[in-house]
Amino acid sequence: MTIEEMKAVKRSRGYTYEQVAELSGVPLSTVLKVFSGETRSPRYGTVQALERFFAGTAGQEAVRKGEAPFAGKQPGEYTTEDYYVRKHAGQVELIDGVMYDMGMLSTEHQSMAGEICCQMLQFIRQNRIDAAVFPFPVDVCPDDDDRTILQPDVVVVCDREKVRETGIYGTPDFIAEVLSAGSQERDCIRKLDKYRSLGVREYWIVDPDKEKVIVYQFEEALYPSVYGFDMPVPVGIFQGKCRIEIRASVW
């Protein structure tokens, strides 16, 4: 396997350089030199170690689960301090002490989340509502929780005192997540439980493959409502006056 082929695999699977170093056993500084082209003729042992990683299954399994494996700590032991140290190596998310690699997001995913955000912002501006909407990536830092920093796709905050230059500090009112490859368990189970426990008022799970939106209004109903992409979805925090059209494709 050539270095260019390894680069292609790295891009397609959404690996960070730190993941490659950790799981291949090659020092991070060496990985960076090899992939940047600074080292034009890597040692044979280095190439072998990298090839075993990219051709093997260990790295695939780690990324499939979404867990970002970093040296020194086990999942459940990471803190916000670790998050800020590791964030420069790639987009990550911290939930109850477990670090997750966000991976590569498709253009469909980004376009759909952006469309929701744009429609929400338009409604807020037209109706002069004192609220703010933010697209991914923005750090959501719950109060008194040094083991969680979330990265939702769409966030609405009605208390502007929670909005700071470096992120949202406290609990948002509305969150939407667009499902992508590898994120189903995290969005539908881990984040669902986390958002409920934090006191988020409304949570949407948007499923592009099944063309449906699952809406949880934690203050109002025990069970979620389900909407197809063929109908506008009412926003509960705005008493249903805002209705979002979810498009299967924006092109």
C-alpha atoms as a PDB file:
ATOM      1  CA  MET A   1       0.000   0.000   0.000  1.00  0.00           C
ATOM      2  CA  THR A   2       1.438   3.386  -1.009  1.00  0.00           C
ATOM      3  CA  ILE A   3       1.382   6.523   1.156  1.00  0.00           C
ATOM      4  CA  GLU A   4      -1.155   8.076  -1.219  1.00  0.00           C
ATOM      5  CA  GLU A   5      -3.426   5.053  -0.807  1.00  0.00           C
ATOM      6  CA  MET A   6      -3.092   5.357   2.975  1.00  0.00           C
ATOM      7  CA  LYS A   7      -4.051   9.029   2.735  1.00  0.00           C
ATOM      8  CA  ALA A   8      -7.161   8.080   0.771  1.00  0.00           C
ATOM      9  CA  VAL A   9      -8.159   5.504   3.396  1.00  0.00           C
ATOM     10  CA  LYS A  10      -7.540   8.031   6.166  1.00  0.00           C
ATOM     11  CA  ARG A  11      -9.825  10.563   4.464  1.00  0.00           C
ATOM     12  CA  SER A  12     -12.575   8.039   3.688  1.00  0.00           C
ATOM     13  CA  ARG A  13     -12.707   6.677   7.262  1.00  0.00           C
ATOM     14  CA  GLY A  14     -12.316  10.028   8.996  1.00  0.00           C
ATOM     15  CA  TYR A  15      -9.223   9.109  11.031  1.00  0.00           C
ATOM     16  CA  THR A  16      -7.349  11.818  12.920  1.00  0.00           C
ATOM     17  CA  TYR A  17      -3.554  11.782  12.887  1.00  0.00           C
ATOM     18  CA  GLU A  18      -3.601  11.024  16.589  1.00  0.00           C
ATOM     19  CA  GLN A  19      -5.783   7.958  16.004  1.00  0.00           C
ATOM     20  CA  VAL A  20      -3.386   6.729  13.321  1.00  0.00           C
ATOM     21  CA  ALA A  21      -0.436   7.164  15.683  1.00  0.00           C
ATOM     22  CA  GLU A  22      -2.165   5.553  18.663  1.00  0.00           C
ATOM     23  CA  LEU A  23      -3.487   2.514  16.826  1.00  0.00           C
ATOM     24  CA  SER A  24      -0.492   1.895  14.545  1.00  0.00           C
ATOM     25  CA  GLY A  25       2.185   2.406  17.192  1.00  0.00           C
ATOM     26  CA  VAL A  26       3.984   4.973  15.028  1.00  0.00           C
ATOM     27  CA  PRO A  27       4.917   8.200  16.878  1.00  0.00           C
ATOM     28  CA  LEU A  28       2.634  11.129  16.065  1.00  0.00           C
ATOM     29  CA  SER A  29       5.556  13.276  14.917  1.00  0.00           C
ATOM     30  CA  THR A  30       6.554  10.554  12.438  1.00  0.00           C
ATOM     31  CA  VAL A  31       2.966  10.170  11.178  1.00  0.00           C
ATOM     32  CA  LEU A  32       2.747  13.913  10.550  1.00  0.00           C
ATOM     33  CA  LYS A  33       6.063  13.947   8.674  1.00  0.00           C
ATOM     34  CA  VAL A  34       5.081  10.977   6.508  1.00  0.00           C
ATOM     35  CA  PHE A  35       1.656  12.305   5.541  1.00  0.00           C
ATOM     36  CA  SER A  36       2.829  15.885   5.011  1.00  0.00           C
ATOM     37  CA  GLY A  37       5.591  14.713   2.673  1.00  0.00           C
ATOM     38  CA  GLU A  38       8.346  16.068   4.891  1.00  0.00           C
ATOM     39  CA  THR A  39       9.741  12.523   5.106  1.00  0.00           C
ATOM     40  CA  ARG A  40       9.996  11.410   1.488  1.00  0.00           C
ATOM     41  CA  SER A  41      11.455   7.959   2.183  1.00  0.00           C
ATOM     42  CA  PRO A  42      10.027   6.578   5.448  1.00  0.00           C
ATOM     43  CA  ARG A  43      11.756   3.676   7.137  1.00  0.00           C
ATOM     44  CA  TYR A  44      10.548   0.245   6.041  1.00  0.00           C
ATOM     45  CA  GLY A  45       9.356  -0.596   9.562  1.00  0.00           C
ATOM     46  CA  THR A  46       7.308   2.612   9.703  1.00  0.00           C
ATOM     47  CA  VAL A  47       5.624   1.876   6.378  1.00  0.00           C
ATOM     48  CA  GLN A  48       4.872  -1.683   7.480  1.00  0.00           C
ATOM     49  CA  ALA A  49       3.259  -0.510  10.743  1.00  0.00           C
ATOM     50  CA  LEU A  50       1.105   2.033   8.935  1.00  0.00           C
ATOM     51  CA  GLU A  51       0.140  -0.479   6.254  1.00  0.00           C
ATOM     52  CA  ARG A  52      -0.931  -3.041   8.870  1.00  0.00           C
ATOM     53  CA  PHE A  53      -3.139  -0.430  10.481  1.00  0.00           C
ATOM     54  CA  PHE A  54      -4.824   0.799   7.304  1.00  0.00           C
ATOM     55  CA  ALA A  55      -5.248  -2.706   5.884  1.00  0.00           C
ATOM     56  CA  GLY A  56      -6.457  -4.170   9.190  1.00  0.00           C
ATOM     57  CA  THR A  57      -9.706  -3.947  11.137  1.00  0.00           C
ATOM     58  CA  ALA A  58      -8.705  -2.438  14.508  1.00  0.00           C
ATOM     59  CA  GLY A  59      -8.928   1.117  13.281  1.00  0.00           C
ATOM     60  CA  GLN A  60     -12.162   0.449  11.386  1.00  0.00           C
ATOM     61  CA  GLU A  61     -13.824  -0.890  14.537  1.00  0.00           C
ATOM     62  CA  ALA A  62     -12.735   2.094  16.642  1.00  0.00           C
ATOM     63  CA  VAL A  63     -14.109   4.595  14.151  1.00  0.00           C
ATOM     64  CA  ARG A  64     -17.295   2.562  13.574  1.00  0.00           C
ATOM     65  CA  LYS A  65     -18.092   2.837  17.268  1.00  0.00           C
ATOM     66  CA  GLY A  66     -17.177   6.508  17.211  1.00  0.00           C
ATOM     67  CA  GLU A  67     -14.856   6.218  20.190  1.00  0.00           C
ATOM     68  CA  ALA A  68     -11.670   8.227  19.849  1.00  0.00           C
ATOM     69  CA  PRO A  69      -8.906   6.194  21.468  1.00  0.00           C
ATOM     70  CA  PHE A  70      -6.313   8.383  23.173  1.00  0.00           C
ATOM     71  CA  ALA A  71      -3.375   7.251  25.254  1.00  0.00           C
ATOM     72  CA  GLY A  72      -3.260   7.538  29.047  1.00  0.00           C
ATOM     73  CA  LYS A  73      -6.932   7.190  29.953  1.00  0.00           C
ATOM     74  CA  GLN A  74      -9.797   4.789  29.457  1.00  0.00           C
ATOM     75  CA  PRO A  75     -13.257   5.722  28.085  1.00  0.00           C
ATOM     76  CA  GLY A  76     -15.214   7.329  30.930  1.00  0.00           C
ATOM     77  CA  GLU A  77     -12.150   9.002  32.437  1.00  0.00           C
ATOM     78  CA  TYR A  78     -11.771  11.970  30.090  1.00  0.00           C
ATOM     79  CA  THR A  79     -12.516  15.532  31.230  1.00  0.00           C
ATOM     80  CA  THR A  80     -13.108  18.870  29.532  1.00  0.00           C
ATOM     81  CA  GLU A  81      -9.393  19.560  29.943  1.00  0.00           C
ATOM     82  CA  ASP A  82      -8.619  16.511  27.789  1.00  0.00           C
ATOM     83  CA  TYR A  83     -11.223  17.670  25.273  1.00  0.00           C
ATOM     84  CA  TYR A  84      -9.526  21.024  24.683  1.00  0.00           C
ATOM     85  CA  VAL A  85      -6.118  19.360  24.431  1.00  0.00           C
ATOM     86  CA  ARG A  86      -7.339  16.794  21.880  1.00  0.00           C
ATOM     87  CA  LYS A  87      -9.687  19.011  19.878  1.00  0.00           C
ATOM     88  CA  HIS A  88      -6.882  20.371  17.679  1.00  0.00           C
ATOM     89  CA  ALA A  89      -6.247  16.875  16.308  1.00  0.00           C
ATOM     90  CA  GLY A  90      -9.772  16.546  14.882  1.00  0.00           C
ATOM     91  CA  GLN A  91     -13.449  17.234  15.591  1.00  0.00           C
ATOM     92  CA  VAL A  92     -14.350  15.378  18.784  1.00  0.00           C
ATOM     93  CA  GLU A  93     -17.187  15.268  21.302  1.00  0.00           C
ATOM     94  CA  LEU A  94     -17.093  14.400  25.009  1.00  0.00           C
ATOM     95  CA  ILE A  95     -20.048  12.618  26.661  1.00  0.00           C
ATOM     96  CA  ASP A  96     -19.829  11.419  30.259  1.00  0.00           C
ATOM     97  CA  GLY A  97     -16.071  11.031  30.094  1.00  0.00           C
ATOM     98  CA  VAL A  98     -16.008   9.212  26.734  1.00  0.00           C
ATOM     99  CA  MET A  99     -14.336  10.927  23.765  1.00  0.00           C
ATOM    100  CA  TYR A 100     -15.981  10.395  20.363  1.00  0.00           C
ATOM    101  CA  ASP A 101     -14.495  11.148  16.980  1.00  0.00           C
ATOM    102  CA  MET A 102     -17.054  13.037  14.889  1.00  0.00           C
ATOM    103  CA  GLY A 103     -15.630  11.606  11.674  1.00  0.00           C
ATOM    104  CA  MET A 104     -16.330  13.032   8.244  1.00  0.00           C
ATOM    105  CA  LEU A 105     -19.768  14.522   7.613  1.00  0.00           C
ATOM    106  CA  SER A 106     -21.337  14.202   4.178  1.00  0.00           C
ATOM    107  CA  THR A 107     -22.443  17.199   2.150  1.00  0.00           C
ATOM    108  CA  GLU A 108     -26.043  15.946   2.455  1.00  0.00           C
ATOM    109  CA  HIS A 109     -25.729  15.929   6.242  1.00  0.00           C
ATOM    110  CA  GLN A 110     -24.275  19.439   6.352  1.00  0.00           C
ATOM    111  CA  SER A 111     -26.788  20.819   3.850  1.00  0.00           C
ATOM    112  CA  MET A 112     -29.765  19.382   5.739  1.00  0.00           C
ATOM    113  CA  ALA A 113     -28.567  20.725   9.097  1.00  0.00           C
ATOM    114  CA  GLY A 114     -27.842  24.085   7.480  1.00  0.00           C
ATOM    115  CA  GLU A 115     -31.325  24.239   5.979  1.00  0.00           C
ATOM    116  CA  ILE A 116     -32.937  23.622   9.382  1.00  0.00           C
ATOM    117  CA  CYS A 117     -30.740  26.300  10.889  1.00  0.00           C
ATOM    118  CA  CYS A 118     -31.572  28.824   8.148  1.00  0.00           C
ATOM    119  CA  GLN A 119     -35.344  28.325   8.446  1.00  0.00           C
ATOM    120  CA  MET A 120     -35.151  28.599  12.217  1.00  0.00           C
ATOM    121  CA  LEU A 121     -33.092  31.795  11.994  1.00  0.00           C
ATOM    122  CA  GLN A 122     -35.505  33.313   9.472  1.00  0.00           C
ATOM    123  CA  PHE A 123     -38.460  32.690  11.802  1.00  0.00           C
ATOM    124  CA  ILE A 124     -36.613  34.138  14.795  1.00  0.00           C
ATOM    125  CA  ARG A 125     -35.714  37.302  12.880  1.00  0.00           C
ATOM    126  CA  GLN A 126     -39.121  37.789  11.264  1.00  0.00           C
ATOM    127  CA  ASN A 127     -40.887  37.460  14.608  1.00  0.00           C
ATOM    128  CA  ARG A 128     -38.267  39.373  16.587  1.00  0.00           C
ATOM    129  CA  ILE A 129     -37.849  36.534  19.056  1.00  0.00           C
ATOM    130  CA  ASP A 130     -35.110  36.918  21.638  1.00  0.00           C
ATOM    131  CA  ALA A 131     -33.282  33.707  20.771  1.00  0.00           C
ATOM    132  CA  ALA A 132     -30.116  32.616  19.005  1.00  0.00           C
ATOM    133  CA  VAL A 133     -29.522  29.669  16.656  1.00  0.00           C
ATOM    134  CA  PHE A 134     -26.155  28.059  15.993  1.00  0.00           C
ATOM    135  CA  PRO A 135     -25.045  25.428  13.445  1.00  0.00           C
ATOM    136  CA  PHE A 136     -22.365  22.783  13.973  1.00  0.00           C
ATOM    137  CA  PRO A 137     -19.662  23.115  15.202  1.00  0.00           C
ATOM    138  CA  VAL A 138     -20.342  24.906  18.489  1.00  0.00           C
ATOM    139  CA  ASP A 139     -19.343  23.702  21.956  1.00  0.00           C
ATOM    140  CA  VAL A 140     -22.254  23.108  24.338  1.00  0.00           C
ATOM    141  CA  CYS A 141     -20.914  22.973  27.894  1.00  0.00           C
ATOM    142  CA  PRO A 142     -23.457  21.832  30.519  1.00  0.00           C
ATOM    143  CA  ASP A 143     -23.337  23.413  33.967  1.00  0.00           C
ATOM    144  CA  ASP A 144     -21.274  21.604  36.620  1.00  0.00           C
ATOM    145  CA  ASP A 145     -20.240  18.808  34.246  1.00  0.00           C
ATOM    146  CA  ASP A 146     -16.515  18.551  33.631  1.00  0.00           C
ATOM    147  CA  ARG A 147     -16.919  15.326  31.632  1.00  0.00           C
ATOM    148  CA  THR A 148     -19.220  16.543  28.837  1.00  0.00           C
ATOM    149  CA  ILE A 149     -18.901  18.926  25.891  1.00  0.00           C
ATOM    150  CA  LEU A 150     -21.427  18.348  23.102  1.00  0.00           C
ATOM    151  CA  GLN A 151     -21.373  19.291  19.420  1.00  0.00           C
ATOM    152  CA  PRO A 152     -25.002  19.281  18.147  1.00  0.00           C
ATOM    153  CA  ASP A 153     -25.896  19.953  14.520  1.00  0.00           C
ATOM    154  CA  VAL A 154     -28.402  22.725  15.354  1.00  0.00           C
ATOM    155  CA  VAL A 155     -28.773  24.551  18.675  1.00  0.00           C
ATOM    156  CA  VAL A 156     -31.337  27.151  19.763  1.00  0.00           C
ATOM    157  CA  VAL A 157     -30.818  29.147  22.959  1.00  0.00           C
ATOM    158  CA  CYS A 158     -33.483  31.479  24.359  1.00  0.00           C
ATOM    159  CA  ASP A 159     -31.324  32.822  27.195  1.00  0.00           C
ATOM    160  CA  ARG A 160     -28.575  34.892  25.601  1.00  0.00           C
ATOM    161  CA  GLU A 161     -26.594  34.985  28.842  1.00  0.00           C
ATOM    162  CA  LYS A 162     -25.668  31.369  28.067  1.00  0.00           C
ATOM    163  CA  VAL A 163     -23.992  32.436  24.826  1.00  0.00           C
ATOM    164  CA  ARG A 164     -20.303  33.228  25.168  1.00  0.00           C
ATOM    165  CA  GLU A 165     -17.490  33.699  22.714  1.00  0.00           C
ATOM    166  CA  THR A 166     -16.219  30.141  23.152  1.00  0.00           C
ATOM    167  CA  GLY A 167     -19.552  28.293  23.164  1.00  0.00           C
ATOM    168  CA  ILE A 168     -22.886  27.726  24.899  1.00  0.00           C
ATOM    169  CA  TYR A 169     -22.622  27.439  28.688  1.00  0.00           C
ATOM    170  CA  GLY A 170     -25.706  25.842  30.197  1.00  0.00           C
ATOM    171  CA  THR A 171     -28.618  23.919  28.693  1.00  0.00           C
ATOM    172  CA  PRO A 172     -29.981  24.885  25.233  1.00  0.00           C
ATOM    173  CA  ASP A 173     -33.737  24.997  24.623  1.00  0.00           C
ATOM    174  CA  PHE A 174     -33.706  23.135  21.297  1.00  0.00           C
ATOM    175  CA  ILE A 175     -31.295  20.692  19.668  1.00  0.00           C
ATOM    176  CA  ALA A 176     -31.460  18.861  16.337  1.00  0.00           C
ATOM    177  CA  GLU A 177     -29.155  16.043  15.243  1.00  0.00           C
ATOM    178  CA  VAL A 178     -28.990  14.724  11.671  1.00  0.00           C
ATOM    179  CA  LEU A 179     -28.094  11.032  11.623  1.00  0.00           C
ATOM    180  CA  SER A 180     -24.995  10.018   9.705  1.00  0.00           C
ATOM    181  CA  ALA A 181     -22.984   6.840   9.267  1.00  0.00           C
ATOM    182  CA  GLY A 182     -21.727   5.759  12.672  1.00  0.00           C
ATOM    183  CA  SER A 183     -23.729   8.278  14.700  1.00  0.00           C
ATOM    184  CA  GLN A 184     -27.011   6.380  15.173  1.00  0.00           C
ATOM    185  CA  GLU A 185     -26.206   4.858  18.556  1.00  0.00           C
ATOM    186  CA  ARG A 186     -24.742   8.093  19.870  1.00  0.00           C
ATOM    187  CA  ASP A 187     -27.592  10.322  18.643  1.00  0.00           C
ATOM    188  CA  CYS A 188     -30.492   7.961  19.367  1.00  0.00           C
ATOM    189  CA  ILE A 189     -29.385   6.570  22.726  1.00  0.00           C
ATOM    190  CA  ARG A 190     -26.495   8.365  24.400  1.00  0.00           C
ATOM    191  CA  LYS A 191     -27.400  11.894  23.359  1.00  0.00           C
ATOM    192  CA  LEU A 192     -31.109  11.291  23.822  1.00  0.00           C
ATOM    193  CA  ASP A 193     -30.549  10.307  27.447  1.00  0.00           C
ATOM    194  CA  LYS A 194     -28.042  13.113  27.965  1.00  0.00           C
ATOM    195  CA  TYR A 195     -30.252  15.845  26.515  1.00  0.00           C
ATOM    196  CA  ARG A 196     -33.217  14.646  28.563  1.00  0.00           C
ATOM    197  CA  SER A 197     -31.203  14.614  31.790  1.00  0.00           C
ATOM    198  CA  LEU A 198     -29.791  18.080  31.101  1.00  0.00           C
ATOM    199  CA  GLY A 199     -33.260  19.587  30.716  1.00  0.00           C
ATOM    200  CA  VAL A 200     -33.258  20.306  26.977  1.00  0.00           C
ATOM    201  CA  ARG A 201     -36.852  21.235  26.144  1.00  0.00           C
ATOM    202  CA  GLU A 202     -36.992  19.790  22.608  1.00  0.00           C
ATOM    203  CA  TYR A 203     -34.823  17.330  20.699  1.00  0.00           C
ATOM    204  CA  TRP A 204     -35.100  16.337  17.037  1.00  0.00           C
ATOM    205  CA  ILE A 205     -33.504  13.279  15.436  1.00  0.00           C
ATOM    206  CA  VAL A 206     -33.500  13.714  11.656  1.00  0.00           C
ATOM    207  CA  ASP A 207     -33.089  10.472   9.702  1.00  0.00           C
ATOM    208  CA  PRO A 208     -32.207  11.173   6.034  1.00  0.00           C
ATOM    209  CA  ASP A 209     -32.308   7.489   5.026  1.00  0.00           C
ATOM    210  CA  LYS A 210     -35.830   6.830   6.353  1.00  0.00           C
ATOM    211  CA  GLU A 211     -36.941  10.408   5.605  1.00  0.00           C
ATOM    212  CA  LYS A 212     -38.463  10.995   9.016  1.00  0.00           C
ATOM    213  CA  VAL A 213     -38.006  13.284  12.017  1.00  0.00           C
ATOM    214  CA  ILE A 214     -38.437  12.003  15.571  1.00  0.00           C
ATOM    215  CA  VAL A 215     -39.436  14.865  17.868  1.00  0.00           C
ATOM    216  CA  TYR A 216     -39.055  14.682  21.644  1.00  0.00           C
ATOM    217  CA  GLN A 217     -40.750  17.417  23.663  1.00  0.00           C
ATOM    218  CA  PHE A 218     -39.495  16.437  27.081  1.00  0.00           C
ATOM    219  CA  GLU A 219     -41.665  18.924  28.985  1.00  0.00           C
ATOM    220  CA  GLU A 220     -44.894  18.063  27.202  1.00  0.00           C
ATOM    221  CA  ALA A 221     -45.026  14.379  26.254  1.00  0.00           C
ATOM    222  CA  LEU A 222     -43.697  11.042  27.400  1.00  0.00           C
ATOM    223  CA  TYR A 223     -43.510   9.625  23.872  1.00  0.00           C
ATOM    224  CA  PRO A 224     -42.030  11.233  20.738  1.00  0.00           C
ATOM    225  CA  SER A 225     -43.896  12.378  17.645  1.00  0.00           C
ATOM    226  CA  VAL A 226     -42.777  11.186  14.205  1.00  0.00           C
ATOM    227  CA  TYR A 227     -43.021  13.272  11.020  1.00  0.00           C
ATOM    228  CA  GLY A 228     -42.221  12.386   7.423  1.00  0.00           C
ATOM    229  CA  PHE A 229     -40.256  14.649   5.136  1.00  0.00           C
ATOM    230  CA  ASP A 230     -43.492  15.273   3.221  1.00  0.00           C
ATOM    231  CA  MET A 231     -44.881  17.494   5.979  1.00  0.00           C
ATOM    232  CA  PRO A 232     -43.638  20.602   7.828  1.00  0.00           C
ATOM    233  CA  VAL A 233     -42.415  19.860  11.359  1.00  0.00           C
ATOM    234  CA  PRO A 234     -43.717  22.236  14.073  1.00  0.00           C
ATOM    235  CA  VAL A 235     -41.216  23.610  16.574  1.00  0.00           C
ATOM    236  CA  GLY A 236     -42.596  23.091  20.069  1.00  0.00           C
ATOM    237  CA  ILE A 237     -40.532  25.736  21.844  1.00  0.00           C
ATOM    238  CA  PHE A 238     -42.201  28.288  19.543  1.00  0.00           C
ATOM    239  CA  GLN A 239     -45.697  26.858  20.166  1.00  0.00           C
ATOM    240  CA  GLY A 240     -45.786  25.291  16.699  1.00  0.00           C
ATOM    241  CA  LYS A 241     -45.835  28.677  14.962  1.00  0.00           C
ATOM    242  CA  CYS A 242     -42.506  27.877  13.358  1.00  0.00           C
ATOM    243  CA  ARG A 243     -42.740  24.952  10.949  1.00  0.00           C
ATOM    244  CA  ILE A 244     -39.617  23.537   9.355  1.00  0.00           C
ATOM    245  CA  GLU A 245     -39.651  21.906   5.911  1.00  0.00           C
ATOM    246  CA  ILE A 246     -37.191  19.033   5.851  1.00  0.00           C
ATOM    247  CA  ARG A 247     -35.871  18.376   2.380  1.00  0.00           C
ATOM    248  CA  ALA A 248     -34.499  14.956   1.410  1.00  0.00           C
ATOM    249  CA  SER A 249     -32.108  16.729  -0.929  1.00  0.00           C
ATOM    250  CA  VAL A 250     -31.200  20.388  -1.193  1.00  0.00           C
ATOM    251  CA  TRP A 251     -29.898  20.052  -4.753  1.00  0.00           C
END
